[in-house]
Every structure is written in structure tokens, then in C-alpha cells.
Amino acid sequence: MRIYISHSTDRSYDFREFLYAPLKQSELAKEHAFIFPHERDYGDDPRNMKPEIERASFVVAEASYPSTSSGIELAWAHEAGLPIFVLYQHGRDYSRSLLVLTRYIEYYSGADDMITKIQKFIDDNSHLR
């Protein structure tokens, strides 16, 4: 499966260390292709991500930090009919507007828990392309 990773680029959140690195080092990375939007050069136009999202099997949204750009990506995913799995860090909160886009919202309490919950989402949604 192709899994698009949507997240904030807020300066107080080191997504490369706390999101990308654990996913890359996980068993999931051996079976699935993660799309990390801030690892490749897509140019200055954020619309360049829309085709990547549309080719994904589903989207994982790390929603611990509010982000307009992530919200736009999730709207594109929703428009394309893709499942959206929202994760947020235990002790933080997420925007309630995400409930319009998905019913799959869970907190996690560390990298291992995040990976376990993504694996469970995959297992529970085996019909995904």
C-alpha cells in the first residue's frame, strides 16, 4: 500500500525525528510505501502534492499541531474518497473539524504505539487498495 503522511510543519514539532524516522525504521516500511511530503522536492506549489495523495491507499494525519496545509491535504484525500486515519499525541488535542472527514481518530503515546495503531488500522481495513 501507499500511505501518505500528512502533518504540520510547525517549528515546535520535529516531524523528521518523531514521525518520519520511527515510520522508516518500522516493520511497516518493509511492506508499505510511505509518502513523506517534506522529503522530496515538490517545488513551491503545494498543489504538487494532490496527485501523490490521489495515488495513495489512505492517509495518516498526525494532528497534534494545527495546520492549514494539512487540512487542505485532508480535504483532497476526502474528495478522492480515501480513508483518513488521524493520530494525535496523548496529552494534546486535535481539531474537532476533523470529525467531518473521518471517524478514525486515535491518540498515541509514543512511536511504538503510533506504529501499532497504524498496523491495526491496516489490518482492520484490509480492503484498501
N, C-alpha and C. Protein backbone atom coordinates (compact mmCIF):
# COMPACT_ATOMS: atom_id res chain seq x y z
N MET A 1 0.83 -1.19 0.00
CA MET A 1 0.00 0.00 0.00
C MET A 1 0.87 1.25 0.00
N ARG A 2 0.30 2.30 -0.54
CA ARG A 2 0.94 3.63 -0.50
C ARG A 2 0.23 4.44 0.58
N ILE A 3 0.99 4.90 1.56
CA ILE A 3 0.42 5.61 2.71
C ILE A 3 0.99 7.02 2.74
N TYR A 4 0.12 7.98 2.53
CA TYR A 4 0.52 9.39 2.56
C TYR A 4 0.53 9.86 4.01
N ILE A 5 1.59 10.55 4.42
CA ILE A 5 1.72 11.06 5.78
C ILE A 5 1.52 12.57 5.76
N SER A 6 0.44 13.02 6.37
CA SER A 6 0.11 14.45 6.45
C SER A 6 0.41 14.93 7.87
N HIS A 7 0.96 16.14 7.98
CA HIS A 7 1.35 16.65 9.30
C HIS A 7 1.66 18.14 9.22
N SER A 8 1.78 18.72 10.37
CA SER A 8 2.15 20.12 10.49
C SER A 8 3.66 20.27 10.29
N THR A 9 4.06 21.44 9.86
CA THR A 9 5.48 21.77 9.81
C THR A 9 5.81 22.83 10.87
N ASP A 10 4.98 22.90 11.88
CA ASP A 10 5.19 23.82 13.00
C ASP A 10 6.61 23.64 13.53
N ARG A 11 7.28 24.75 13.78
CA ARG A 11 8.68 24.69 14.22
C ARG A 11 8.86 23.98 15.56
N SER A 12 7.81 23.90 16.36
CA SER A 12 7.94 23.24 17.66
C SER A 12 7.78 21.72 17.56
N TYR A 13 7.53 21.22 16.36
CA TYR A 13 7.34 19.78 16.15
C TYR A 13 8.39 19.27 15.17
N ASP A 14 9.27 18.42 15.63
CA ASP A 14 10.31 17.85 14.79
C ASP A 14 9.76 16.59 14.12
N PHE A 15 9.01 16.78 13.05
CA PHE A 15 8.36 15.66 12.38
C PHE A 15 9.35 14.67 11.79
N ARG A 16 10.53 15.13 11.41
CA ARG A 16 11.52 14.20 10.86
C ARG A 16 11.98 13.20 11.92
N GLU A 17 12.15 13.66 13.15
CA GLU A 17 12.60 12.77 14.22
C GLU A 17 11.46 11.95 14.82
N PHE A 18 10.32 12.59 15.07
CA PHE A 18 9.26 11.94 15.82
C PHE A 18 8.18 11.27 14.96
N LEU A 19 8.20 11.50 13.67
CA LEU A 19 7.21 10.89 12.78
C LEU A 19 7.90 10.09 11.68
N TYR A 20 8.72 10.76 10.87
CA TYR A 20 9.35 10.09 9.74
C TYR A 20 10.30 8.97 10.18
N ALA A 21 11.22 9.25 11.09
CA ALA A 21 12.23 8.26 11.49
C ALA A 21 11.60 6.98 12.05
N PRO A 22 10.66 7.07 13.00
CA PRO A 22 10.07 5.82 13.50
C PRO A 22 9.34 5.02 12.41
N LEU A 23 8.66 5.72 11.51
CA LEU A 23 7.96 5.01 10.44
C LEU A 23 8.95 4.34 9.50
N LYS A 24 10.01 5.02 9.15
CA LYS A 24 11.02 4.44 8.26
C LYS A 24 11.69 3.21 8.86
N GLN A 25 11.85 3.22 10.17
CA GLN A 25 12.54 2.12 10.86
C GLN A 25 11.59 0.99 11.26
N SER A 26 10.32 1.15 11.01
CA SER A 26 9.32 0.16 11.43
C SER A 26 9.21 -0.99 10.44
N GLU A 27 8.59 -2.06 10.90
CA GLU A 27 8.29 -3.19 10.02
C GLU A 27 7.32 -2.77 8.92
N LEU A 28 6.48 -1.78 9.22
CA LEU A 28 5.53 -1.30 8.21
C LEU A 28 6.23 -0.84 6.95
N ALA A 29 7.40 -0.23 7.10
CA ALA A 29 8.13 0.31 5.95
C ALA A 29 8.64 -0.80 5.03
N LYS A 30 8.73 -2.00 5.55
CA LYS A 30 9.16 -3.13 4.71
C LYS A 30 8.04 -3.62 3.81
N GLU A 31 6.80 -3.36 4.21
CA GLU A 31 5.65 -3.86 3.46
C GLU A 31 4.91 -2.79 2.67
N HIS A 32 5.06 -1.53 3.10
CA HIS A 32 4.27 -0.44 2.53
C HIS A 32 5.17 0.72 2.13
N ALA A 33 4.71 1.49 1.17
CA ALA A 33 5.45 2.67 0.72
C ALA A 33 4.86 3.90 1.40
N PHE A 34 5.65 4.55 2.22
CA PHE A 34 5.23 5.79 2.85
C PHE A 34 5.57 6.96 1.95
N ILE A 35 4.67 7.90 1.86
CA ILE A 35 4.91 9.13 1.12
C ILE A 35 5.12 10.23 2.15
N PHE A 36 6.36 10.67 2.28
CA PHE A 36 6.73 11.72 3.21
C PHE A 36 6.85 13.02 2.42
N PRO A 37 5.88 13.89 2.52
CA PRO A 37 5.82 15.06 1.63
C PRO A 37 6.98 16.04 1.78
N HIS A 38 7.67 16.04 2.89
CA HIS A 38 8.75 17.01 3.06
C HIS A 38 10.13 16.37 2.91
N GLU A 39 10.16 15.25 2.22
CA GLU A 39 11.42 14.58 1.92
C GLU A 39 11.82 14.76 0.47
N ARG A 40 10.88 15.01 -0.38
CA ARG A 40 11.17 15.18 -1.79
C ARG A 40 10.89 16.61 -2.18
N ASP A 41 11.48 17.03 -3.27
CA ASP A 41 11.27 18.39 -3.74
C ASP A 41 10.07 18.42 -4.69
N TYR A 42 8.98 18.95 -4.19
CA TYR A 42 7.78 19.09 -4.99
C TYR A 42 7.61 20.52 -5.48
N GLY A 43 8.62 21.32 -5.27
CA GLY A 43 8.54 22.71 -5.69
C GLY A 43 7.79 23.56 -4.68
N ASP A 44 7.61 24.81 -5.01
CA ASP A 44 6.96 25.74 -4.09
C ASP A 44 5.44 25.67 -4.13
N ASP A 45 4.89 24.96 -5.07
CA ASP A 45 3.44 24.90 -5.22
C ASP A 45 2.88 23.71 -4.47
N PRO A 46 2.13 23.93 -3.37
CA PRO A 46 1.62 22.80 -2.59
C PRO A 46 0.64 21.93 -3.38
N ARG A 47 0.11 22.44 -4.47
CA ARG A 47 -0.79 21.61 -5.29
C ARG A 47 -0.06 20.43 -5.90
N ASN A 48 1.26 20.46 -5.89
CA ASN A 48 2.02 19.33 -6.41
C ASN A 48 1.81 18.07 -5.59
N MET A 49 1.28 18.20 -4.37
CA MET A 49 1.03 17.04 -3.53
C MET A 49 -0.29 16.35 -3.85
N LYS A 50 -1.18 17.05 -4.49
CA LYS A 50 -2.50 16.48 -4.76
C LYS A 50 -2.42 15.15 -5.53
N PRO A 51 -1.62 15.06 -6.60
CA PRO A 51 -1.52 13.77 -7.30
C PRO A 51 -0.95 12.65 -6.41
N GLU A 52 -0.01 12.99 -5.54
CA GLU A 52 0.55 12.00 -4.62
C GLU A 52 -0.53 11.47 -3.67
N ILE A 53 -1.35 12.38 -3.19
CA ILE A 53 -2.45 11.98 -2.29
C ILE A 53 -3.44 11.09 -3.03
N GLU A 54 -3.78 11.47 -4.24
CA GLU A 54 -4.76 10.71 -5.02
C GLU A 54 -4.27 9.31 -5.36
N ARG A 55 -2.96 9.10 -5.41
CA ARG A 55 -2.39 7.77 -5.70
C ARG A 55 -2.22 6.92 -4.43
N ALA A 56 -2.47 7.50 -3.28
CA ALA A 56 -2.29 6.78 -2.02
C ALA A 56 -3.44 5.81 -1.77
N SER A 57 -3.19 4.83 -0.92
CA SER A 57 -4.24 3.90 -0.48
C SER A 57 -5.05 4.53 0.64
N PHE A 58 -4.37 5.27 1.50
CA PHE A 58 -5.03 6.03 2.56
C PHE A 58 -4.05 7.05 3.11
N VAL A 59 -4.55 7.92 3.97
CA VAL A 59 -3.74 8.99 4.56
C VAL A 59 -3.69 8.82 6.07
N VAL A 60 -2.50 8.95 6.61
CA VAL A 60 -2.31 9.06 8.05
C VAL A 60 -2.04 10.53 8.32
N ALA A 61 -2.85 11.12 9.19
CA ALA A 61 -2.67 12.53 9.55
C ALA A 61 -2.24 12.63 11.00
N GLU A 62 -1.05 13.18 11.22
CA GLU A 62 -0.59 13.45 12.58
C GLU A 62 -1.14 14.82 12.91
N ALA A 63 -2.11 14.89 13.83
CA ALA A 63 -2.90 16.11 14.04
C ALA A 63 -2.64 16.79 15.39
N SER A 64 -1.51 16.53 15.99
CA SER A 64 -1.21 17.12 17.30
C SER A 64 -0.96 18.62 17.23
N TYR A 65 -0.60 19.11 16.05
CA TYR A 65 -0.32 20.53 15.85
C TYR A 65 -1.20 21.02 14.71
N PRO A 66 -2.03 22.02 14.95
CA PRO A 66 -2.92 22.53 13.89
C PRO A 66 -2.13 22.97 12.66
N SER A 67 -2.70 22.71 11.50
CA SER A 67 -2.01 23.03 10.26
C SER A 67 -3.00 23.24 9.12
N THR A 68 -2.96 24.41 8.54
CA THR A 68 -3.82 24.71 7.40
C THR A 68 -3.44 23.83 6.21
N SER A 69 -2.15 23.67 5.95
CA SER A 69 -1.74 22.87 4.79
C SER A 69 -2.14 21.41 4.95
N SER A 70 -2.05 20.87 6.15
CA SER A 70 -2.51 19.50 6.38
C SER A 70 -4.02 19.42 6.18
N GLY A 71 -4.74 20.43 6.62
CA GLY A 71 -6.19 20.45 6.41
C GLY A 71 -6.55 20.42 4.94
N ILE A 72 -5.80 21.14 4.13
CA ILE A 72 -6.03 21.13 2.68
C ILE A 72 -5.75 19.73 2.12
N GLU A 73 -4.65 19.12 2.55
CA GLU A 73 -4.32 17.76 2.09
C GLU A 73 -5.44 16.78 2.46
N LEU A 74 -5.97 16.92 3.67
CA LEU A 74 -7.04 16.01 4.10
C LEU A 74 -8.32 16.25 3.32
N ALA A 75 -8.58 17.49 2.95
CA ALA A 75 -9.75 17.77 2.10
C ALA A 75 -9.58 17.10 0.74
N TRP A 76 -8.38 17.16 0.17
CA TRP A 76 -8.12 16.47 -1.10
C TRP A 76 -8.31 14.97 -0.96
N ALA A 77 -7.82 14.40 0.14
CA ALA A 77 -7.97 12.96 0.37
C ALA A 77 -9.45 12.59 0.49
N HIS A 78 -10.17 13.38 1.22
CA HIS A 78 -11.61 13.14 1.40
C HIS A 78 -12.33 13.24 0.05
N GLU A 79 -11.98 14.25 -0.72
CA GLU A 79 -12.58 14.44 -2.05
C GLU A 79 -12.29 13.24 -2.96
N ALA A 80 -11.10 12.64 -2.79
CA ALA A 80 -10.71 11.49 -3.60
C ALA A 80 -11.30 10.18 -3.06
N GLY A 81 -12.01 10.25 -1.94
CA GLY A 81 -12.62 9.06 -1.36
C GLY A 81 -11.66 8.18 -0.58
N LEU A 82 -10.52 8.74 -0.17
CA LEU A 82 -9.54 7.95 0.57
C LEU A 82 -9.86 7.91 2.06
N PRO A 83 -9.62 6.78 2.69
CA PRO A 83 -9.74 6.74 4.15
C PRO A 83 -8.67 7.64 4.78
N ILE A 84 -9.03 8.27 5.87
CA ILE A 84 -8.11 9.14 6.60
C ILE A 84 -8.05 8.64 8.04
N PHE A 85 -6.83 8.35 8.49
CA PHE A 85 -6.61 7.90 9.85
C PHE A 85 -5.87 9.00 10.60
N VAL A 86 -6.53 9.60 11.57
CA VAL A 86 -5.96 10.72 12.33
C VAL A 86 -5.36 10.19 13.63
N LEU A 87 -4.13 10.57 13.88
CA LEU A 87 -3.45 10.26 15.13
C LEU A 87 -3.01 11.55 15.78
N TYR A 88 -3.07 11.59 17.09
CA TYR A 88 -2.57 12.75 17.83
C TYR A 88 -1.91 12.27 19.10
N GLN A 89 -0.94 13.04 19.56
CA GLN A 89 -0.17 12.66 20.74
C GLN A 89 -1.02 12.74 22.00
N HIS A 90 -0.86 11.72 22.85
CA HIS A 90 -1.55 11.70 24.15
C HIS A 90 -1.18 12.98 24.91
N GLY A 91 -2.19 13.65 25.45
CA GLY A 91 -1.96 14.90 26.17
C GLY A 91 -2.14 16.14 25.31
N ARG A 92 -2.25 15.95 24.01
CA ARG A 92 -2.52 17.06 23.10
C ARG A 92 -3.97 16.92 22.64
N ASP A 93 -4.40 17.79 21.77
CA ASP A 93 -5.76 17.73 21.26
C ASP A 93 -5.73 17.85 19.75
N TYR A 94 -6.82 17.60 19.13
CA TYR A 94 -6.94 17.72 17.67
C TYR A 94 -8.15 18.60 17.37
N SER A 95 -8.19 19.12 16.17
CA SER A 95 -9.30 19.96 15.74
C SER A 95 -10.54 19.11 15.54
N ARG A 96 -11.63 19.50 16.16
CA ARG A 96 -12.89 18.75 16.04
C ARG A 96 -13.44 18.80 14.61
N SER A 97 -12.97 19.72 13.81
CA SER A 97 -13.43 19.76 12.41
C SER A 97 -13.00 18.51 11.65
N LEU A 98 -12.02 17.78 12.15
CA LEU A 98 -11.60 16.53 11.50
C LEU A 98 -12.70 15.47 11.52
N LEU A 99 -13.63 15.61 12.45
CA LEU A 99 -14.75 14.67 12.53
C LEU A 99 -15.64 14.72 11.28
N VAL A 100 -15.55 15.78 10.53
CA VAL A 100 -16.29 15.89 9.27
C VAL A 100 -15.67 14.98 8.21
N LEU A 101 -14.36 14.74 8.33
CA LEU A 101 -13.63 13.98 7.31
C LEU A 101 -13.45 12.50 7.63
N THR A 102 -13.47 12.15 8.90
CA THR A 102 -13.19 10.77 9.27
C THR A 102 -13.74 10.43 10.64
N ARG A 103 -13.94 9.15 10.85
CA ARG A 103 -14.31 8.67 12.19
C ARG A 103 -13.15 7.92 12.82
N TYR A 104 -12.04 7.81 12.09
CA TYR A 104 -10.86 7.11 12.57
C TYR A 104 -9.90 8.10 13.22
N ILE A 105 -10.07 8.32 14.50
CA ILE A 105 -9.23 9.27 15.24
C ILE A 105 -8.80 8.60 16.54
N GLU A 106 -7.48 8.55 16.76
CA GLU A 106 -6.96 7.92 17.97
C GLU A 106 -5.74 8.68 18.47
N TYR A 107 -5.53 8.61 19.79
CA TYR A 107 -4.31 9.17 20.35
C TYR A 107 -3.25 8.08 20.41
N TYR A 108 -1.99 8.50 20.51
CA TYR A 108 -0.90 7.55 20.69
C TYR A 108 0.04 8.09 21.75
N SER A 109 0.77 7.19 22.36
CA SER A 109 1.65 7.60 23.46
C SER A 109 3.10 7.19 23.21
N GLY A 110 3.58 7.49 22.05
CA GLY A 110 4.96 7.19 21.68
C GLY A 110 5.02 6.53 20.33
N ALA A 111 6.23 6.43 19.80
CA ALA A 111 6.44 5.91 18.45
C ALA A 111 5.92 4.48 18.28
N ASP A 112 6.22 3.62 19.23
CA ASP A 112 5.78 2.23 19.11
C ASP A 112 4.26 2.13 19.08
N ASP A 113 3.61 2.91 19.93
CA ASP A 113 2.14 2.92 19.96
C ASP A 113 1.58 3.45 18.65
N MET A 114 2.20 4.49 18.11
CA MET A 114 1.75 5.05 16.83
C MET A 114 1.82 3.98 15.74
N ILE A 115 2.93 3.28 15.67
CA ILE A 115 3.12 2.25 14.65
C ILE A 115 2.12 1.11 14.84
N THR A 116 1.90 0.70 16.09
CA THR A 116 0.93 -0.35 16.38
C THR A 116 -0.46 0.05 15.92
N LYS A 117 -0.83 1.30 16.15
CA LYS A 117 -2.17 1.75 15.76
C LYS A 117 -2.31 1.86 14.25
N ILE A 118 -1.26 2.24 13.57
CA ILE A 118 -1.31 2.25 12.10
C ILE A 118 -1.46 0.82 11.58
N GLN A 119 -0.70 -0.11 12.15
CA GLN A 119 -0.81 -1.51 11.73
C GLN A 119 -2.22 -2.04 11.97
N LYS A 120 -2.81 -1.71 13.10
CA LYS A 120 -4.18 -2.15 13.40
C LYS A 120 -5.16 -1.55 12.39
N PHE A 121 -4.98 -0.28 12.03
CA PHE A 121 -5.84 0.35 11.03
C PHE A 121 -5.74 -0.41 9.70
N ILE A 122 -4.52 -0.75 9.32
CA ILE A 122 -4.32 -1.53 8.08
C ILE A 122 -5.01 -2.88 8.18
N ASP A 123 -4.80 -3.58 9.30
CA ASP A 123 -5.40 -4.90 9.49
C ASP A 123 -6.93 -4.83 9.47
N ASP A 124 -7.48 -3.79 10.09
CA ASP A 124 -8.94 -3.65 10.16
C ASP A 124 -9.55 -3.19 8.84
N ASN A 125 -8.71 -2.70 7.92
CA ASN A 125 -9.18 -2.19 6.64
C ASN A 125 -8.45 -2.89 5.50
N SER A 126 -8.44 -4.19 5.54
CA SER A 126 -7.70 -5.00 4.57
C SER A 126 -8.19 -4.81 3.13
N HIS A 127 -9.35 -4.22 2.96
CA HIS A 127 -9.91 -3.99 1.63
C HIS A 127 -9.25 -2.81 0.91
N LEU A 128 -8.41 -2.06 1.59
CA LEU A 128 -7.78 -0.89 0.97
C LEU A 128 -6.89 -1.34 -0.19
N ARG A 129 -6.81 -0.48 -1.18
CA ARG A 129 -6.01 -0.82 -2.35
C ARG A 129 -4.54 -0.66 -2.09
